């Protein structure tokens, strides 16, 4: 039987996982950049894009490619752990530009059907912005390693960063 360790050292170990931290940072930066894209392309302030799926760039792609690049950097690009991370990244990106995008197109068509079509009218329309174009996936996949690799090389983990800040400030 496996028992999870909820001790402070287990949480410190999580904070010392630089690959996870920088993968998440790449995801966050990609999601934040959606707000900037919204401002530049559509000239509107719409903070709701920070919580939406779909759009430019793909934050899921940034997350999985940043994490895969970090695994490759730390373990070696010839390691089976990198092969697994890269495979998961390819599946996520394929799914985002294929299956999820097709589901969004289907939702858009269903939303166009007259209300009389349904025995019970839907409470709200289906979400149409689910997937990404291949270009949105490509941009997200470039953001991931562009954020994660310099973060790993020059900064390290959040725990390491906080220790450095503590020594500098304290």
Protein backbone atom coordinates (compact mmCIF):
# COMPACT_ATOMS: atom_id res chain seq x y z
CA UNK A 1 0.00 0.00 0.00
CA UNK A 2 1.35 3.40 -0.98
CA UNK A 3 0.82 6.22 1.48
CA UNK A 4 1.28 9.77 0.27
CA UNK A 5 3.74 11.90 2.16
CA UNK A 6 2.14 15.18 3.21
CA UNK A 7 5.12 16.32 5.27
CA UNK A 8 6.67 19.75 4.72
CA UNK A 9 9.64 18.10 2.98
CA UNK A 10 7.29 16.60 0.37
CA UNK A 11 5.92 20.06 -0.39
CA UNK A 12 9.44 21.48 -0.55
CA UNK A 13 10.26 18.72 -3.03
CA UNK A 14 7.39 19.88 -5.22
CA UNK A 15 8.67 23.46 -5.03
CA UNK A 16 12.09 22.16 -6.05
CA UNK A 17 10.71 20.69 -9.29
CA UNK A 18 12.05 23.22 -11.78
CA UNK A 19 10.75 21.35 -14.83
CA UNK A 20 7.17 21.50 -13.56
CA UNK A 21 7.52 25.12 -12.46
CA UNK A 22 8.87 26.31 -15.82
CA UNK A 23 6.37 24.24 -17.79
CA UNK A 24 3.60 25.93 -15.80
CA UNK A 25 5.26 29.33 -16.27
CA UNK A 26 5.27 28.78 -20.04
CA UNK A 27 1.58 27.86 -19.88
CA UNK A 28 0.81 30.97 -17.83
CA UNK A 29 2.75 33.24 -20.16
CA UNK A 30 0.96 31.80 -23.19
CA UNK A 31 -2.41 32.27 -21.48
CA UNK A 32 -1.50 35.84 -20.50
CA UNK A 33 -0.42 36.61 -24.05
CA UNK A 34 -3.97 35.81 -25.21
CA UNK A 35 -4.99 39.04 -23.49
CA UNK A 36 -2.36 40.97 -25.45
CA UNK A 37 -3.42 39.31 -28.72
CA UNK A 38 -7.02 40.27 -27.94
CA UNK A 39 -5.95 43.89 -27.43
CA UNK A 40 -3.84 44.10 -30.57
CA UNK A 41 -6.00 42.15 -33.02
CA UNK A 42 -9.51 42.95 -31.79
CA UNK A 43 -8.81 46.22 -29.92
CA UNK A 44 -10.79 45.17 -26.87
CA UNK A 45 -10.04 44.54 -23.22
CA UNK A 46 -11.45 41.12 -22.41
CA UNK A 47 -9.84 39.54 -19.33
CA UNK A 48 -12.16 36.53 -19.73
CA UNK A 49 -9.69 35.17 -22.31
CA UNK A 50 -7.37 34.38 -19.39
CA UNK A 51 -9.74 31.58 -18.38
CA UNK A 52 -10.80 30.36 -21.83
CA UNK A 53 -9.56 27.49 -23.93
CA UNK A 54 -8.72 27.95 -27.58
CA UNK A 55 -7.24 31.01 -29.21
CA UNK A 56 -3.77 32.31 -29.87
CA UNK A 57 -1.44 30.89 -28.63
CA UNK A 58 -2.12 27.40 -27.30
CA UNK A 59 -1.22 27.39 -23.62
CA UNK A 60 -1.61 23.59 -23.51
CA UNK A 61 1.08 23.33 -26.20
CA UNK A 62 3.33 25.69 -24.25
CA UNK A 63 2.87 23.58 -21.11
CA UNK A 64 3.64 20.21 -22.67
CA UNK A 65 6.53 21.36 -24.88
CA UNK A 66 8.08 23.39 -22.07
CA UNK A 67 7.84 20.41 -19.73
CA UNK A 68 9.16 17.99 -22.37
CA UNK A 69 12.09 20.30 -23.13
CA UNK A 70 12.82 20.54 -19.40
CA UNK A 71 12.75 16.78 -18.99
CA UNK A 72 15.11 16.45 -21.95
CA UNK A 73 17.44 19.09 -20.53
CA UNK A 74 17.59 17.52 -17.08
CA UNK A 75 17.57 13.82 -17.98
CA UNK A 76 19.05 13.93 -21.46
CA UNK A 77 17.32 14.01 -24.80
CA UNK A 78 18.20 10.34 -25.27
CA UNK A 79 16.39 9.33 -22.04
CA UNK A 80 13.14 7.38 -22.14
CA UNK A 81 11.58 10.00 -19.82
CA UNK A 82 12.05 12.58 -22.56
CA UNK A 83 10.54 10.18 -25.10
CA UNK A 84 7.46 9.85 -22.90
CA UNK A 85 7.18 13.60 -22.36
CA UNK A 86 7.59 14.30 -26.09
CA UNK A 87 4.98 11.66 -26.96
CA UNK A 88 2.47 13.21 -24.55
CA UNK A 89 3.24 16.63 -26.05
CA UNK A 90 2.57 15.38 -29.58
CA UNK A 91 -0.73 13.78 -28.51
CA UNK A 92 -1.89 16.96 -26.74
CA UNK A 93 -0.98 19.16 -29.71
CA UNK A 94 -2.59 16.80 -32.22
CA UNK A 95 -5.72 16.67 -30.08
CA UNK A 96 -5.85 20.49 -29.76
CA UNK A 97 -5.63 21.09 -33.51
CA UNK A 98 -7.68 18.10 -34.55
CA UNK A 99 -10.27 16.59 -32.26
CA UNK A 100 -10.94 19.59 -29.99
CA UNK A 101 -11.06 21.94 -32.98
CA UNK A 102 -13.54 19.64 -34.76
CA UNK A 103 -15.66 19.50 -31.60
CA UNK A 104 -15.75 23.31 -31.60
CA UNK A 105 -16.92 23.36 -35.23
CA UNK A 106 -19.62 20.82 -34.36
CA UNK A 107 -20.73 22.93 -31.39
CA UNK A 108 -21.03 25.97 -33.68
CA UNK A 109 -23.28 24.03 -36.06
CA UNK A 110 -25.43 22.69 -33.23
CA UNK A 111 -25.80 26.22 -31.83
CA UNK A 112 -27.25 27.34 -35.18
CA UNK A 113 -30.11 24.83 -34.98
CA UNK A 114 -33.52 26.35 -34.18
CA UNK A 115 -34.72 26.04 -30.59
CA UNK A 116 -37.74 24.06 -31.81
CA UNK A 117 -35.35 21.23 -32.77
CA UNK A 118 -34.95 20.21 -29.16
CA UNK A 119 -37.58 18.54 -26.95
CA UNK A 120 -36.16 20.61 -24.09
CA UNK A 121 -34.41 23.83 -25.12
CA UNK A 122 -30.77 24.04 -24.01
CA UNK A 123 -30.07 26.35 -21.09
CA UNK A 124 -27.08 27.90 -22.87
CA UNK A 125 -25.21 27.48 -26.12
CA UNK A 126 -22.39 24.99 -26.46
CA UNK A 127 -18.86 26.31 -26.13
CA UNK A 128 -17.38 26.75 -29.59
CA UNK A 129 -13.82 27.85 -28.81
CA UNK A 130 -12.32 24.50 -27.85
CA UNK A 131 -9.34 23.81 -30.05
CA UNK A 132 -6.64 25.61 -31.96
CA UNK A 133 -5.46 26.17 -35.48
CA UNK A 134 -2.15 24.55 -36.35
CA UNK A 135 -0.51 27.98 -36.22
CA UNK A 136 -1.82 28.61 -32.67
CA UNK A 137 -0.42 25.21 -31.63
CA UNK A 138 2.90 25.97 -33.32
CA UNK A 139 3.27 29.32 -31.53
CA UNK A 140 2.39 27.73 -28.19
CA UNK A 141 4.86 24.91 -28.81
CA UNK A 142 7.62 27.46 -29.40
CA UNK A 143 6.77 29.45 -26.26
CA UNK A 144 7.16 26.35 -24.06
CA UNK A 145 10.87 25.67 -24.58
CA UNK A 146 11.61 29.40 -25.01
CA UNK A 147 10.41 29.97 -21.43
CA UNK A 148 11.35 26.67 -19.77
CA UNK A 149 14.91 26.19 -20.95
CA UNK A 150 16.26 29.64 -19.97
CA UNK A 151 14.37 29.35 -16.68
CA UNK A 152 16.00 26.02 -15.91
CA UNK A 153 19.46 27.19 -16.93
CA UNK A 154 19.51 30.66 -15.38
CA UNK A 155 17.04 30.52 -12.47
CA UNK A 156 16.34 26.95 -11.36
CA UNK A 157 13.40 25.90 -9.23
CA UNK A 158 11.06 28.13 -7.22
CA UNK A 159 12.68 26.79 -4.04
CA UNK A 160 16.14 27.69 -5.34
CA UNK A 161 14.88 31.16 -6.37
CA UNK A 162 13.34 31.79 -2.95
CA UNK A 163 16.56 30.70 -1.22
CA UNK A 164 18.57 33.09 -3.40
CA UNK A 165 16.15 35.92 -2.69
CA UNK A 166 16.28 35.11 1.02
CA UNK A 167 20.07 35.31 1.05
CA UNK A 168 20.03 38.51 -1.00
CA UNK A 169 17.37 40.27 1.07
CA UNK A 170 18.16 38.78 4.42
